[in-house]
C-alpha atoms as a PDB file:
ATOM      1  CA  MET A   1       0.000   0.000   0.000  1.00  0.00           C
ATOM      2  CA  LYS A   2       1.353   3.397  -0.954  1.00  0.00           C
ATOM      3  CA  TYR A   3       0.836   6.000   1.746  1.00  0.00           C
ATOM      4  CA  ASN A   4       0.650   9.375   0.039  1.00  0.00           C
ATOM      5  CA  ILE A   5       0.766  12.370   2.378  1.00  0.00           C
ATOM      6  CA  ALA A   6       0.756  16.165   2.195  1.00  0.00           C
ATOM      7  CA  SER A   7       3.117  18.424   4.120  1.00  0.00           C
ATOM      8  CA  LEU A   8       2.270  21.921   5.378  1.00  0.00           C
ATOM      9  CA  PHE A   9       4.792  24.496   6.614  1.00  0.00           C
ATOM     10  CA  SER A  10       7.437  22.111   5.279  1.00  0.00           C
ATOM     11  CA  GLY A  11      10.554  24.204   5.827  1.00  0.00           C
ATOM     12  CA  ALA A  12      13.630  22.332   4.639  1.00  0.00           C
ATOM     13  CA  GLY A  13      11.805  19.012   5.035  1.00  0.00           C
ATOM     14  CA  GLY A  14      13.048  17.366   8.238  1.00  0.00           C
ATOM     15  CA  LEU A  15       9.595  16.046   9.100  1.00  0.00           C
ATOM     16  CA  ASP A  16       9.011  15.057   5.479  1.00  0.00           C
ATOM     17  CA  LEU A  17      12.262  13.110   5.255  1.00  0.00           C
ATOM     18  CA  GLY A  18      11.542  11.208   8.472  1.00  0.00           C
ATOM     19  CA  PHE A  19       8.148  10.172   7.111  1.00  0.00           C
ATOM     20  CA  GLU A  20       9.637   9.139   3.774  1.00  0.00           C
ATOM     21  CA  GLN A  21      12.245   7.024   5.569  1.00  0.00           C
ATOM     22  CA  ALA A  22       9.371   5.289   7.367  1.00  0.00           C
ATOM     23  CA  GLY A  23       7.671   4.383   4.083  1.00  0.00           C
ATOM     24  CA  PHE A  24       5.432   7.361   3.275  1.00  0.00           C
ATOM     25  CA  THR A  25       5.498   9.387   0.060  1.00  0.00           C
ATOM     26  CA  VAL A  26       5.226  13.166   0.278  1.00  0.00           C
ATOM     27  CA  ASP A  27       3.279  14.018  -2.881  1.00  0.00           C
ATOM     28  CA  TRP A  28       2.705  17.695  -2.120  1.00  0.00           C
ATOM     29  CA  ALA A  29       4.429  20.187   0.168  1.00  0.00           C
ATOM     30  CA  ASN A  30       3.702  23.805   1.000  1.00  0.00           C
ATOM     31  CA  GLU A  31       6.418  26.308   1.986  1.00  0.00           C
ATOM     32  CA  PHE A  32       6.172  30.007   1.171  1.00  0.00           C
ATOM     33  CA  ASP A  33       9.688  31.129   2.248  1.00  0.00           C
ATOM     34  CA  LYS A  34      11.543  31.539  -1.038  1.00  0.00           C
ATOM     35  CA  THR A  35      14.929  31.255   0.702  1.00  0.00           C
ATOM     36  CA  ILE A  36      13.987  27.703   1.720  1.00  0.00           C
ATOM     37  CA  THR A  37      12.120  26.279  -1.273  1.00  0.00           C
ATOM     38  CA  PRO A  38      15.259  25.722  -3.432  1.00  0.00           C
ATOM     39  CA  THR A  39      16.563  23.360  -0.728  1.00  0.00           C
ATOM     40  CA  LEU A  40      13.191  21.633  -0.466  1.00  0.00           C
ATOM     41  CA  ARG A  41      12.959  21.132  -4.229  1.00  0.00           C
ATOM     42  CA  LYS A  42      16.538  19.856  -4.529  1.00  0.00           C
ATOM     43  CA  ASN A  43      16.169  17.235  -1.842  1.00  0.00           C
ATOM     44  CA  PHE A  44      12.607  16.182  -2.746  1.00  0.00           C
ATOM     45  CA  PRO A  45      12.623  16.150  -6.558  1.00  0.00           C
ATOM     46  CA  GLU A  46       9.499  13.957  -6.774  1.00  0.00           C
ATOM     47  CA  THR A  47       7.419  16.222  -4.518  1.00  0.00           C
ATOM     48  CA  GLU A  48       5.221  19.000  -5.877  1.00  0.00           C
ATOM     49  CA  VAL A  49       6.280  22.107  -3.927  1.00  0.00           C
ATOM     50  CA  ASP A  50       3.676  24.868  -3.643  1.00  0.00           C
ATOM     51  CA  ASP A  51       5.328  28.103  -2.514  1.00  0.00           C
ATOM     52  CA  ARG A  52       2.199  30.166  -1.912  1.00  0.00           C
ATOM     53  CA  SER A  53       1.091  31.262   1.529  1.00  0.00           C
ATOM     54  CA  ILE A  54      -1.182  28.589   2.980  1.00  0.00           C
ATOM     55  CA  THR A  55      -3.893  31.249   3.255  1.00  0.00           C
ATOM     56  CA  ASP A  56      -3.905  31.420  -0.559  1.00  0.00           C
ATOM     57  CA  VAL A  57      -4.060  27.644  -1.064  1.00  0.00           C
ATOM     58  CA  ASN A  58      -7.522  26.262  -1.683  1.00  0.00           C
ATOM     59  CA  SER A  59      -8.011  22.841  -0.131  1.00  0.00           C
ATOM     60  CA  ASN A  60      -8.960  21.539  -3.581  1.00  0.00           C
ATOM     61  CA  ASP A  61      -5.425  22.397  -4.737  1.00  0.00           C
ATOM     62  CA  ILE A  62      -4.061  19.746  -2.393  1.00  0.00           C
ATOM     63  CA  PRO A  63      -4.099  16.177  -3.765  1.00  0.00           C
ATOM     64  CA  GLU A  64      -6.189  13.544  -2.007  1.00  0.00           C
ATOM     65  CA  THR A  65      -4.058  12.274   0.823  1.00  0.00           C
ATOM     66  CA  ILE A  66      -3.922   9.648   3.552  1.00  0.00           C
ATOM     67  CA  GLY A  67      -2.217  11.975   5.991  1.00  0.00           C
ATOM     68  CA  VAL A  68      -1.302  15.605   6.645  1.00  0.00           C
ATOM     69  CA  ILE A  69       1.865  16.563   8.508  1.00  0.00           C
ATOM     70  CA  GLY A  70       3.425  19.884   9.389  1.00  0.00           C
ATOM     71  CA  GLY A  71       4.609  22.291  12.042  1.00  0.00           C
ATOM     72  CA  PRO A  72       2.829  25.653  11.931  1.00  0.00           C
ATOM     73  CA  PRO A  73       5.183  28.593  12.712  1.00  0.00           C
ATOM     74  CA  CYS A  74       6.260  28.478  16.330  1.00  0.00           C
ATOM     75  CA  GLN A  75       7.439  32.029  17.010  1.00  0.00           C
ATOM     76  CA  SER A  76       4.120  33.225  18.427  1.00  0.00           C
ATOM     77  CA  TRP A  77       4.064  30.340  20.914  1.00  0.00           C
ATOM     78  CA  SER A  78       7.710  30.511  21.934  1.00  0.00           C
ATOM     79  CA  GLU A  79       8.578  31.054  25.580  1.00  0.00           C
ATOM     80  CA  ALA A  80      11.385  33.335  24.424  1.00  0.00           C
ATOM     81  CA  GLY A  81       9.169  35.436  22.160  1.00  0.00           C
ATOM     82  CA  SER A  82       6.184  37.679  22.723  1.00  0.00           C
ATOM     83  CA  GLY A  83       3.974  34.654  23.329  1.00  0.00           C
ATOM     84  CA  ARG A  84       0.883  36.039  21.646  1.00  0.00           C
ATOM     85  CA  GLY A  85      -0.327  32.605  20.534  1.00  0.00           C
ATOM     86  CA  LEU A  86      -3.517  32.680  18.448  1.00  0.00           C
ATOM     87  CA  LYS A  87      -3.608  36.491  18.653  1.00  0.00           C
ATOM     88  CA  ASP A  88      -0.496  36.598  16.497  1.00  0.00           C
ATOM     89  CA  ARG A  89      -0.803  36.333  12.717  1.00  0.00           C
ATOM     90  CA  ARG A  90       1.660  33.418  12.719  1.00  0.00           C
ATOM     91  CA  GLY A  91      -0.342  31.657  15.414  1.00  0.00           C
ATOM     92  CA  GLU A  92      -3.508  32.064  13.381  1.00  0.00           C
ATOM     93  CA  VAL A  93      -2.137  29.809  10.632  1.00  0.00           C
ATOM     94  CA  PHE A  94      -3.025  26.951  12.965  1.00  0.00           C
ATOM     95  CA  PHE A  95      -6.581  27.648  11.793  1.00  0.00           C
ATOM     96  CA  GLU A  96      -5.410  27.048   8.229  1.00  0.00           C
ATOM     97  CA  TYR A  97      -4.019  23.700   9.327  1.00  0.00           C
ATOM     98  CA  ILE A  98      -7.392  22.846  10.872  1.00  0.00           C
ATOM     99  CA  ARG A  99      -9.161  23.993   7.725  1.00  0.00           C
ATOM    100  CA  VAL A 100      -7.113  21.598   5.575  1.00  0.00           C
ATOM    101  CA  ILE A 101      -7.814  18.698   7.942  1.00  0.00           C
ATOM    102  CA  ARG A 102     -11.529  19.484   7.888  1.00  0.00           C
ATOM    103  CA  ASP A 103     -11.669  19.665   4.096  1.00  0.00           C
ATOM    104  CA  LYS A 104      -9.375  16.744   3.177  1.00  0.00           C
ATOM    105  CA  GLN A 105     -10.419  14.330   5.978  1.00  0.00           C
ATOM    106  CA  PRO A 106      -7.144  12.373   5.976  1.00  0.00           C
ATOM    107  CA  LEU A 107      -6.797   9.179   7.998  1.00  0.00           C
ATOM    108  CA  PHE A 108      -4.281  10.898  10.256  1.00  0.00           C
ATOM    109  CA  PHE A 109      -2.605  14.199  10.921  1.00  0.00           C
ATOM    110  CA  LEU A 110       0.479  15.199  12.885  1.00  0.00           C
ATOM    111  CA  ALA A 111       1.512  18.680  13.991  1.00  0.00           C
ATOM    112  CA  GLU A 112       4.629  19.763  15.873  1.00  0.00           C
ATOM    113  CA  ASN A 113       5.266  22.902  17.894  1.00  0.00           C
ATOM    114  CA  VAL A 114       7.340  24.390  20.692  1.00  0.00           C
ATOM    115  CA  SER A 115       6.894  23.567  24.368  1.00  0.00           C
ATOM    116  CA  GLY A 116       5.715  27.134  24.982  1.00  0.00           C
ATOM    117  CA  MET A 117       2.275  26.088  23.744  1.00  0.00           C
ATOM    118  CA  LEU A 118       1.763  24.343  27.086  1.00  0.00           C
ATOM    119  CA  SER A 119       2.513  27.405  29.209  1.00  0.00           C
ATOM    120  CA  LYS A 120      -0.209  28.794  31.479  1.00  0.00           C
ATOM    121  CA  ARG A 121      -0.740  31.914  29.387  1.00  0.00           C
ATOM    122  CA  HIS A 122      -1.729  29.801  26.367  1.00  0.00           C
ATOM    123  CA  GLU A 123      -4.094  27.513  28.259  1.00  0.00           C
ATOM    124  CA  LYS A 124      -7.304  28.928  26.754  1.00  0.00           C
ATOM    125  CA  ALA A 125      -5.888  28.952  23.238  1.00  0.00           C
ATOM    126  CA  LEU A 126      -4.676  25.381  23.546  1.00  0.00           C
ATOM    127  CA  THR A 127      -8.023  24.216  24.882  1.00  0.00           C
ATOM    128  CA  TYR A 128      -9.726  25.908  21.917  1.00  0.00           C
ATOM    129  CA  LEU A 129      -7.394  24.164  19.446  1.00  0.00           C
ATOM    130  CA  ILE A 130      -8.005  20.779  21.067  1.00  0.00           C
ATOM    131  CA  GLU A 131     -11.766  21.228  20.819  1.00  0.00           C
ATOM    132  CA  GLU A 132     -11.476  22.236  17.166  1.00  0.00           C
ATOM    133  CA  PHE A 133      -9.490  19.093  16.359  1.00  0.00           C
ATOM    134  CA  LYS A 134     -12.000  16.904  18.183  1.00  0.00           C
ATOM    135  CA  LYS A 135     -14.908  18.488  16.281  1.00  0.00           C
ATOM    136  CA  LEU A 136     -13.356  17.137  13.104  1.00  0.00           C
ATOM    137  CA  GLY A 137     -14.110  13.576  14.198  1.00  0.00           C
ATOM    138  CA  TYR A 138     -10.612  12.484  15.172  1.00  0.00           C
ATOM    139  CA  SER A 139      -9.239  10.566  18.113  1.00  0.00           C
ATOM    140  CA  PHE A 140      -6.762  13.164  19.252  1.00  0.00           C
ATOM    141  CA  ASP A 141      -3.886  13.404  21.714  1.00  0.00           C
ATOM    142  CA  TYR A 142      -0.792  15.476  22.345  1.00  0.00           C
ATOM    143  CA  LYS A 143       2.360  15.110  24.409  1.00  0.00           C
ATOM    144  CA  LEU A 144       5.535  17.000  25.257  1.00  0.00           C
ATOM    145  CA  LEU A 145       8.525  14.953  24.102  1.00  0.00           C
ATOM    146  CA  ASN A 146      12.272  15.507  24.191  1.00  0.00           C
ATOM    147  CA  THR A 147      14.089  14.478  21.029  1.00  0.00           C
ATOM    148  CA  LYS A 148      17.121  13.280  23.020  1.00  0.00           C
ATOM    149  CA  ASP A 149      14.953  10.324  24.088  1.00  0.00           C
ATOM    150  CA  TYR A 150      14.567   9.165  20.477  1.00  0.00           C
ATOM    151  CA  GLY A 151      18.067   8.884  19.040  1.00  0.00           C
ATOM    152  CA  VAL A 152      18.678  12.604  18.522  1.00  0.00           C
ATOM    153  CA  PRO A 153      21.824  14.096  20.139  1.00  0.00           C
ATOM    154  CA  GLN A 154      19.987  17.214  21.225  1.00  0.00           C
ATOM    155  CA  ASP A 155      17.995  18.541  24.158  1.00  0.00           C
ATOM    156  CA  ARG A 156      14.902  19.689  22.262  1.00  0.00           C
ATOM    157  CA  LYS A 157      11.413  19.672  23.770  1.00  0.00           C
ATOM    158  CA  ARG A 158       8.488  19.785  21.384  1.00  0.00           C
ATOM    159  CA  VAL A 159       4.733  19.258  21.604  1.00  0.00           C
ATOM    160  CA  ILE A 160       3.445  16.620  19.198  1.00  0.00           C
ATOM    161  CA  PHE A 161      -0.242  16.542  18.181  1.00  0.00           C
ATOM    162  CA  VAL A 162      -1.551  13.403  16.511  1.00  0.00           C
ATOM    163  CA  GLY A 163      -5.065  12.698  15.321  1.00  0.00           C
ATOM    164  CA  TYR A 164      -6.506   9.459  13.918  1.00  0.00           C
ATOM    165  CA  HIS A 165      -9.740   9.461  11.953  1.00  0.00           C
ATOM    166  CA  LYS A 166     -12.523   7.726  13.850  1.00  0.00           C
ATOM    167  CA  LYS A 167     -12.745   5.024  11.156  1.00  0.00           C
ATOM    168  CA  ILE A 168      -9.304   3.733  12.245  1.00  0.00           C
ATOM    169  CA  GLY A 169     -10.850   2.876  15.595  1.00  0.00           C
ATOM    170  CA  LYS A 170      -7.829   3.507  17.780  1.00  0.00           C
ATOM    171  CA  LYS A 171      -5.771   6.234  19.414  1.00  0.00           C
ATOM    172  CA  PHE A 172      -2.141   7.030  18.681  1.00  0.00           C
ATOM    173  CA  GLN A 173       0.242   5.693  21.318  1.00  0.00           C
ATOM    174  CA  PHE A 174       3.423   7.737  21.666  1.00  0.00           C
ATOM    175  CA  PRO A 175       6.641   5.707  21.283  1.00  0.00           C
ATOM    176  CA  GLU A 176       8.593   4.842  24.414  1.00  0.00           C
ATOM    177  CA  PRO A 177      11.925   6.622  25.039  1.00  0.00           C
ATOM    178  CA  PHE A 178      15.119   4.831  24.047  1.00  0.00           C
ATOM    179  CA  ASP A 179      17.364   3.406  26.779  1.00  0.00           C
ATOM    180  CA  LYS A 180      20.545   4.769  25.215  1.00  0.00           C
ATOM    181  CA  LYS A 181      21.317   8.412  24.440  1.00  0.00           C
ATOM    182  CA  VAL A 182      23.279   9.544  21.382  1.00  0.00           C
ATOM    183  CA  THR A 183      26.088  12.024  22.135  1.00  0.00           C
ATOM    184  CA  LEU A 184      27.797  14.814  20.241  1.00  0.00           C
ATOM    185  CA  LYS A 185      30.869  12.623  19.865  1.00  0.00           C
ATOM    186  CA  ASP A 186      28.732  10.008  18.124  1.00  0.00           C
ATOM    187  CA  VAL A 187      27.683  12.388  15.369  1.00  0.00           C
ATOM    188  CA  ILE A 188      30.196  15.208  14.797  1.00  0.00           C
ATOM    189  CA  TRP A 189      33.585  13.981  16.045  1.00  0.00           C
ATOM    190  CA  ASP A 190      34.877  13.274  12.511  1.00  0.00           C
ATOM    191  CA  LEU A 191      34.141  16.860  11.427  1.00  0.00           C
ATOM    192  CA  LYS A 192      36.027  18.584  14.235  1.00  0.00           C
ATOM    193  CA  ASP A 193      39.125  19.673  12.285  1.00  0.00           C
ATOM    194  CA  THR A 194      37.677  20.611   8.903  1.00  0.00           C
ATOM    195  CA  ALA A 195      35.127  23.408   9.486  1.00  0.00           C
ATOM    196  CA  GLN A 196      35.650  26.688   7.641  1.00  0.00           C
ATOM    197  CA  PRO A 197      34.654  30.182   8.764  1.00  0.00           C
ATOM    198  CA  ALA A 198      32.070  31.946   6.613  1.00  0.00           C
ATOM    199  CA  LYS A 199      33.290  34.573   4.179  1.00  0.00           C
ATOM    200  CA  LYS A 200      32.997  38.291   4.823  1.00  0.00           C
ATOM    201  CA  LEU A 201      29.463  39.409   5.807  1.00  0.00           C
ATOM    202  CA  ASN A 202      28.785  35.742   6.615  1.00  0.00           C
ATOM    203  CA  LYS A 203      28.388  34.728   2.992  1.00  0.00           C
ATOM    204  CA  THR A 204      28.832  31.091   2.040  1.00  0.00           C
ATOM    205  CA  ASN A 205      32.099  29.578   0.840  1.00  0.00           C
ATOM    206  CA  GLY A 206      30.019  27.675  -1.687  1.00  0.00           C
ATOM    207  CA  GLU A 207      31.414  24.744  -3.620  1.00  0.00           C
ATOM    208  CA  VAL A 208      35.009  25.195  -2.371  1.00  0.00           C
ATOM    209  CA  LEU A 209      34.122  23.576   0.942  1.00  0.00           C
ATOM    210  CA  ASN A 210      35.636  20.124   1.378  1.00  0.00           C
ATOM    211  CA  PHE A 211      32.435  18.981   3.090  1.00  0.00           C
ATOM    212  CA  PRO A 212      29.036  20.421   2.073  1.00  0.00           C
ATOM    213  CA  ASN A 213      27.722  23.176   4.372  1.00  0.00           C
ATOM    214  CA  HIS A 214      30.588  22.676   6.851  1.00  0.00           C
ATOM    215  CA  GLU A 215      31.047  26.383   7.595  1.00  0.00           C
ATOM    216  CA  TYR A 216      30.256  28.482  10.630  1.00  0.00           C
ATOM    217  CA  MET A 217      29.046  32.006  11.268  1.00  0.00           C
ATOM    218  CA  ILE A 218      31.687  34.538  12.278  1.00  0.00           C
ATOM    219  CA  GLY A 219      31.311  37.652  14.402  1.00  0.00           C
ATOM    220  CA  GLY A 220      31.041  38.578  18.052  1.00  0.00           C
ATOM    221  CA  PHE A 221      28.839  37.202  20.807  1.00  0.00           C
ATOM    222  CA  SER A 222      26.163  39.306  22.491  1.00  0.00           C
ATOM    223  CA  THR A 223      26.007  39.922  26.229  1.00  0.00           C
ATOM    224  CA  MET A 224      22.850  37.809  26.264  1.00  0.00           C
ATOM    225  CA  TYR A 225      24.727  34.960  24.655  1.00  0.00           C
ATOM    226  CA  MET A 226      27.566  35.330  27.154  1.00  0.00           C
ATOM    227  CA  SER A 227      25.136  35.270  30.089  1.00  0.00           C
ATOM    228  CA  ARG A 228      24.932  31.474  29.986  1.00  0.00           C
ATOM    229  CA  ASN A 229      27.256  28.577  29.346  1.00  0.00           C
ATOM    230  CA  ARG A 230      26.899  27.690  25.662  1.00  0.00           C
ATOM    231  CA  VAL A 231      29.154  24.639  25.602  1.00  0.00           C
ATOM    232  CA  ARG A 232      28.054  21.027  25.877  1.00  0.00           C
ATOM    233  CA  GLY A 233      30.758  18.350  26.125  1.00  0.00           C
ATOM    234  CA  TRP A 234      31.450  15.507  23.727  1.00  0.00           C
ATOM    235  CA  ASP A 235      29.660  13.004  25.965  1.00  0.00           C
ATOM    236  CA  GLU A 236      26.505  15.118  26.206  1.00  0.00           C
ATOM    237  CA  GLN A 237      23.603  16.090  23.969  1.00  0.00           C
ATOM    238  CA  SER A 238      23.606  19.483  22.297  1.00  0.00           C
ATOM    239  CA  PHE A 239      21.619  22.465  23.434  1.00  0.00           C
ATOM    240  CA  THR A 240      18.576  23.087  21.231  1.00  0.00           C
ATOM    241  CA  ILE A 241      19.624  24.039  17.695  1.00  0.00           C
ATOM    242  CA  GLN A 242      17.916  27.365  17.113  1.00  0.00           C
ATOM    243  CA  ALA A 243      16.984  29.099  13.872  1.00  0.00           C
ATOM    244  CA  GLY A 244      19.524  31.904  14.305  1.00  0.00           C
ATOM    245  CA  GLY A 245      23.203  31.369  13.629  1.00  0.00           C
ATOM    246  CA  ARG A 246      24.172  33.963  16.215  1.00  0.00           C
ATOM    247  CA  HIS A 247      22.681  31.666  18.839  1.00  0.00           C
ATOM    248  CA  ALA A 248      24.287  28.445  17.614  1.00  0.00           C
ATOM    249  CA  PRO A 249      25.930  26.467  20.438  1.00  0.00           C
ATOM    250  CA  ILE A 250      29.706  26.470  20.831  1.00  0.00           C
ATOM    251  CA  HIS A 251      31.631  23.488  19.497  1.00  0.00           C
ATOM    252  CA  PRO A 252      32.387  20.863  22.198  1.00  0.00           C
ATOM    253  CA  GLN A 253      36.142  21.196  21.621  1.00  0.00           C
ATOM    254  CA  ALA A 254      35.971  24.243  23.908  1.00  0.00           C
ATOM    255  CA  PRO A 255      35.908  24.043  27.725  1.00  0.00           C
ATOM    256  CA  LYS A 256      32.743  25.077  29.559  1.00  0.00           C
ATOM    257  CA  MET A 257      32.504  28.850  29.844  1.00  0.00           C
ATOM    258  CA  LYS A 258      33.820  30.396  33.060  1.00  0.00           C
ATOM    259  CA  PHE A 259      31.294  31.825  35.532  1.00  0.00           C
ATOM    260  CA  ILE A 260      32.044  35.399  36.580  1.00  0.00           C
ATOM    261  CA  GLU A 261      28.809  36.496  38.203  1.00  0.00           C
ATOM    262  CA  GLN A 262      25.060  36.177  37.714  1.00  0.00           C
ATOM    263  CA  ASP A 263      24.294  36.451  33.960  1.00  0.00           C
ATOM    264  CA  LYS A 264      27.947  36.854  33.033  1.00  0.00           C
ATOM    265  CA  ARG A 265      30.379  34.262  31.740  1.00  0.00           C
ATOM    266  CA  VAL A 266      33.565  34.453  29.708  1.00  0.00           C
ATOM    267  CA  PHE A 267      35.592  32.143  27.513  1.00  0.00           C
ATOM    268  CA  VAL A 268      38.389  30.447  29.449  1.00  0.00           C
ATOM    269  CA  PRO A 269      41.489  32.685  29.121  1.00  0.00           C
ATOM    270  CA  GLY A 270      44.099  31.230  26.811  1.00  0.00           C
ATOM    271  CA  LYS A 271      41.524  28.958  25.148  1.00  0.00           C
ATOM    272  CA  GLU A 272      39.634  31.597  23.178  1.00  0.00           C
ATOM    273  CA  HIS A 273      40.671  30.065  19.856  1.00  0.00           C
ATOM    274  CA  LEU A 274      38.618  26.960  20.664  1.00  0.00           C
ATOM    275  CA  TYR A 275      35.334  28.851  20.916  1.00  0.00           C
ATOM    276  CA  ARG A 276      33.569  28.758  17.583  1.00  0.00           C
ATOM    277  CA  ARG A 277      29.938  28.202  16.701  1.00  0.00           C
ATOM    278  CA  LEU A 278      28.856  24.813  15.442  1.00  0.00           C
ATOM    279  CA  SER A 279      28.917  24.750  11.657  1.00  0.00           C
ATOM    280  CA  VAL A 280      25.817  24.512   9.496  1.00  0.00           C
ATOM    281  CA  ARG A 281      26.656  20.863   8.720  1.00  0.00           C
ATOM    282  CA  GLU A 282      27.323  20.042  12.374  1.00  0.00           C
ATOM    283  CA  CYS A 283      23.931  21.506  13.249  1.00  0.00           C
ATOM    284  CA  ALA A 284      22.403  19.427  10.456  1.00  0.00           C
ATOM    285  CA  ARG A 285      23.957  16.262  11.854  1.00  0.00           C
ATOM    286  CA  ILE A 286      22.681  17.115  15.329  1.00  0.00           C
ATOM    287  CA  GLN A 287      19.247  17.493  13.708  1.00  0.00           C
ATOM    288  CA  THR A 288      19.955  14.028  12.187  1.00  0.00           C
ATOM    289  CA  PHE A 289      19.912  15.114   8.541  1.00  0.00           C
ATOM    290  CA  PRO A 290      22.011  12.770   6.366  1.00  0.00           C
ATOM    291  CA  ASP A 291      25.150  14.159   4.744  1.00  0.00           C
ATOM    292  CA  ASP A 292      23.692  13.830   1.236  1.00  0.00           C
ATOM    293  CA  PHE A 293      20.982  16.347   2.181  1.00  0.00           C
ATOM    294  CA  LYS A 294      22.312  19.620   0.734  1.00  0.00           C
ATOM    295  CA  PHE A 295      21.270  23.034   2.034  1.00  0.00           C
ATOM    296  CA  LEU A 296      21.259  25.801  -0.577  1.00  0.00           C
ATOM    297  CA  TYR A 297      21.890  29.390   0.509  1.00  0.00           C
ATOM    298  CA  THR A 298      23.975  32.490  -0.087  1.00  0.00           C
ATOM    299  CA  ASP A 299      23.851  33.809   3.474  1.00  0.00           C
ATOM    300  CA  VAL A 300      25.093  31.328   6.058  1.00  0.00           C
ATOM    301  CA  ALA A 301      22.358  32.603   8.389  1.00  0.00           C
ATOM    302  CA  THR A 302      19.786  31.046   6.045  1.00  0.00           C
ATOM    303  CA  GLY A 303      21.396  27.648   6.502  1.00  0.00           C
ATOM    304  CA  TYR A 304      21.085  27.892  10.274  1.00  0.00           C
ATOM    305  CA  LYS A 305      17.496  29.102   9.910  1.00  0.00           C
ATOM    306  CA  MET A 306      16.454  26.119   7.804  1.00  0.00           C
ATOM    307  CA  ILE A 307      18.064  23.602  10.111  1.00  0.00           C
ATOM    308  CA  GLY A 308      16.986  25.220  13.378  1.00  0.00           C
ATOM    309  CA  ASN A 309      13.341  25.369  12.295  1.00  0.00           C
ATOM    310  CA  ALA A 310      13.311  21.736  11.141  1.00  0.00           C
ATOM    311  CA  VAL A 311      12.004  18.683  12.962  1.00  0.00           C
ATOM    312  CA  PRO A 312      14.912  16.284  13.623  1.00  0.00           C
ATOM    313  CA  VAL A 313      14.721  13.581  10.973  1.00  0.00           C
ATOM    314  CA  LYS A 314      15.268  10.656  13.343  1.00  0.00           C
ATOM    315  CA  PHE A 315      12.581  11.951  15.703  1.00  0.00           C
ATOM    316  CA  ALA A 316      10.135  12.302  12.803  1.00  0.00           C
ATOM    317  CA  TYR A 317      10.986   8.773  11.670  1.00  0.00           C
ATOM    318  CA  GLU A 318      10.137   7.263  15.070  1.00  0.00           C
ATOM    319  CA  LEU A 319       6.740   8.984  15.093  1.00  0.00           C
ATOM    320  CA  ALA A 320       6.068   8.084  11.454  1.00  0.00           C
ATOM    321  CA  LYS A 321       7.021   4.435  11.992  1.00  0.00           C
ATOM    322  CA  LYS A 322       4.388   4.096  14.705  1.00  0.00           C
ATOM    323  CA  ILE A 323       1.736   5.724  12.500  1.00  0.00           C
ATOM    324  CA  LYS A 324       2.623   3.463   9.569  1.00  0.00           C
ATOM    325  CA  ASN A 325       2.284   0.346  11.710  1.00  0.00           C
ATOM    326  CA  ASP A 326      -1.175   1.482  12.812  1.00  0.00           C
ATOM    327  CA  LEU A 327      -2.196   2.162   9.201  1.00  0.00           C
ATOM    328  CA  ASP A 328      -0.894  -1.251   8.135  1.00  0.00           C
ATOM    329  CA  GLU A 329      -3.073  -2.888  10.786  1.00  0.00           C
ATOM    330  CA  TYR A 330      -6.092  -0.808   9.763  1.00  0.00           C
ATOM    331  CA  TYR A 331      -5.834  -1.769   6.084  1.00  0.00           C
ATOM    332  CA  LYS A 332      -5.182  -5.398   6.945  1.00  0.00           C
ATOM    333  CA  GLU A 333      -8.219  -5.606   9.206  1.00  0.00           C
ATOM    334  CA  SER A 334     -10.353  -3.674   6.706  1.00  0.00           C
ATOM    335  CA  LYS A 335      -9.134  -5.915   3.855  1.00  0.00           C
ATOM    336  CA  ILE A 336      -8.643  -2.808   1.726  1.00  0.00           C
END
């Protein structure tokens, strides 16, 4: 059975790739950021990429599909941002996601968002969203998960929403955490001596790089950045990979930053040369993208943005694998 799905708010395609690795086929994907779509098209040549705003996409423009996946923009829900939730224009696109589910009636849907959605100030908005999903006739659940529990070398908490159409007759059961954690040494040790600094104005080195996308943003570090330790060791998981290169974690070759006073740390004197940001490719590996997945950009900041906004591929795969098993059982029992 071929499981054709549609992807909304696709970004660079981390969620999409995880689902494809689990046996799904992404027929159609929507991403309106024109700095991202070249990467999406390159790495998913068989997928129809629609680069309009989702508000301009009629549901009839989306092919018939077994499932809908996607992570609506998270900035309005972020604990670090203004936290306006559904009152923010970016938060309102969740309604577009609901609209597509209502119109297409897929067998399942999955949405991903930041942990800030579960904060007290968003309680009413979250309750409203849950009720809207349930009105659509789906068995629905959500849970806060940390990707480090599922083979991803990164401390990254995300809320996962999964709905099964009532005809499936069961509820999604979230996968159990792995016993073993993957470390930074497991995934980026071999790249430690070959990273290149970005060119002037943080432009890409392009094709001259010995390893694709293995370049890091240059420039100073803000006082906010220096207020916390930004170094995780080789035997640990990375801090959350964010969408801004300025906030990329420091490479684990460096010692932990030295505490001076509350909200102030410094690089260990005499070791300053060891403190560089993780490269775009190192961030991609931490997000569990394979090395043959190429990120296209002129500004290195765009590379960090694509990767930081993505769902870790391995994490997506574990969720998708569980959904596929449930669909297999449904079709077998239904003799379809």
